[in-house]
Protein backbone atom coordinates (compact mmCIF):
# COMPACT_ATOMS: atom_id res chain seq x y z
CA ILE A 1 42.16 -61.72 -104.39
CA ASN A 2 44.66 -58.91 -103.91
CA LEU A 3 46.94 -59.15 -100.89
CA ASP A 4 48.30 -55.83 -99.64
CA ASN A 5 48.46 -54.40 -103.18
CA MET A 6 51.48 -56.67 -103.72
CA HIS A 7 50.29 -60.13 -104.73
CA TRP A 8 47.37 -61.72 -106.59
CA THR A 9 45.83 -65.04 -105.53
CA SER A 10 42.55 -66.75 -106.28
CA ALA A 11 39.90 -68.88 -104.68
CA CYS A 12 37.13 -70.94 -106.16
CA ILE A 13 33.76 -71.78 -104.69
CA PHE A 14 32.66 -75.26 -105.74
CA MET A 15 28.95 -75.19 -104.92
CA GLU A 16 28.15 -78.81 -105.73
CA GLU A 17 31.18 -80.11 -103.83
CA LYS A 18 30.56 -77.69 -100.95
CA LYS A 19 34.17 -76.61 -101.03
CA ILE A 20 36.08 -73.34 -101.18
CA GLN A 21 39.67 -73.75 -102.38
CA TYR A 22 42.51 -71.24 -102.29
CA PHE A 23 45.20 -70.99 -104.97
CA ASP A 24 48.41 -69.05 -104.27
CA SER A 25 51.50 -69.22 -106.47
CA LEU A 26 53.61 -68.33 -103.40
CA GLY A 27 52.06 -71.09 -101.29
CA GLY A 28 50.20 -69.00 -98.70
CA SER A 29 47.05 -70.34 -97.07
CA GLU A 30 45.01 -67.22 -96.13
CA ARG A 31 42.43 -69.11 -94.08
CA GLY A 32 40.76 -65.79 -93.25
CA LYS A 33 39.98 -65.20 -96.94
CA LEU A 34 38.31 -68.61 -97.15
CA LYS A 35 36.22 -67.85 -94.08
CA GLY A 36 35.28 -64.50 -95.61
CA LEU A 37 34.06 -66.21 -98.78
CA LEU A 38 32.03 -68.68 -96.76
CA GLN A 39 30.47 -65.77 -94.86
CA TYR A 40 29.66 -64.13 -98.19
CA LEU A 41 27.80 -67.30 -99.26
CA LYS A 42 25.88 -67.34 -95.99
CA ASP A 43 24.94 -63.68 -96.39
CA GLU A 44 23.79 -64.20 -99.99
CA TRP A 45 21.78 -67.25 -98.99
CA LYS A 46 20.03 -65.30 -96.28
CA ALA A 47 19.32 -62.34 -98.58
CA LYS A 48 18.09 -64.42 -101.52
CA LYS A 49 16.48 -67.49 -99.95
CA GLY A 50 15.85 -66.45 -96.37
CA GLY A 51 16.96 -68.43 -93.36
CA GLU A 52 20.38 -69.74 -92.53
CA MET A 53 22.61 -71.72 -94.87
CA ASP A 54 23.85 -75.01 -93.41
CA VAL A 55 27.62 -74.84 -93.77
CA SER A 56 28.42 -77.86 -91.61
CA GLU A 57 29.45 -79.95 -94.65
CA TRP A 58 31.51 -77.21 -96.32
CA LYS A 59 35.29 -77.64 -96.58
CA LEU A 60 37.77 -74.78 -96.65
CA VAL A 61 40.84 -75.97 -98.56
CA GLY A 62 44.03 -73.95 -98.31
CA CYS A 63 46.71 -73.85 -100.95
CA GLN A 64 47.89 -77.37 -101.73
CA GLU A 65 51.53 -78.45 -101.91
CA ASP A 66 51.18 -79.36 -105.59
CA THR A 67 49.78 -75.93 -106.55
CA PRO A 68 52.09 -74.42 -109.19
CA ARG A 69 54.58 -71.92 -107.73
CA GLN A 70 56.07 -68.83 -109.28
CA LYS A 71 59.84 -68.39 -109.12
CA ASN A 72 59.89 -64.60 -109.35
CA GLY A 73 58.13 -61.59 -107.88
CA PHE A 74 55.98 -60.55 -110.84
CA ASP A 75 54.09 -63.45 -112.42
CA CYS A 76 51.37 -63.84 -109.78
CA GLY A 77 48.72 -62.31 -112.07
CA VAL A 78 49.46 -64.82 -114.81
CA PHE A 79 49.35 -67.67 -112.30
CA THR A 80 46.01 -66.39 -110.97
CA CYS A 81 44.52 -66.26 -114.47
CA MET A 82 45.80 -69.74 -115.24
CA PHE A 83 44.39 -71.16 -111.99
CA ALA A 84 40.99 -69.83 -113.09
CA ASP A 85 41.47 -71.23 -116.60
CA PHE A 86 42.25 -74.73 -115.34
CA VAL A 87 39.46 -74.72 -112.74
CA THR A 88 36.85 -73.71 -115.32
CA LYS A 89 37.92 -76.69 -117.39
CA ASP A 90 37.60 -78.96 -114.34
CA CYS A 91 41.33 -79.71 -114.48
CA GLU A 92 44.05 -79.64 -111.88
CA PRO A 93 46.52 -76.81 -112.56
CA VAL A 94 49.56 -78.55 -114.04
CA PHE A 95 51.58 -75.68 -115.47
CA GLN A 96 54.91 -74.41 -114.09
CA GLN A 97 57.00 -71.25 -114.17
CA GLU A 98 58.71 -72.60 -117.30
CA HIS A 99 55.35 -72.43 -119.13
CA ILE A 100 54.65 -68.81 -118.25
CA THR A 101 55.39 -67.42 -121.74
CA GLN A 102 52.84 -69.82 -123.28
CA CYS A 103 50.42 -68.92 -120.48
CA ARG A 104 50.79 -65.22 -121.28
CA GLN A 105 50.10 -65.95 -124.95
CA ARG A 106 47.02 -67.98 -124.07
CA ILE A 107 45.67 -65.12 -121.93
CA ALA A 108 46.36 -62.56 -124.68
CA LEU A 109 44.59 -64.61 -127.34
């Protein structure tokens, strides 16, 4: 998710858990983005399956306090890629700014 052409963040839709979670290396919450993704799911459901999707059990989870934070103004893209990497492995993101060089190498390879 690009914010104002200045900052990259990410969100993940966990279908089985009925949860949409936001990841921001600067700690923002962007509740509107989460609502937009939920609306997207509802629209897709209606277009593909017909009828209305029951979203009463869905949770919108903003950026958590333990989400890794960048300590500069230019590593947000690396953090966003690493959030995706950890989520696809069903792991909590546990890297820090100090690991960013290794993260860049992992992305490049």
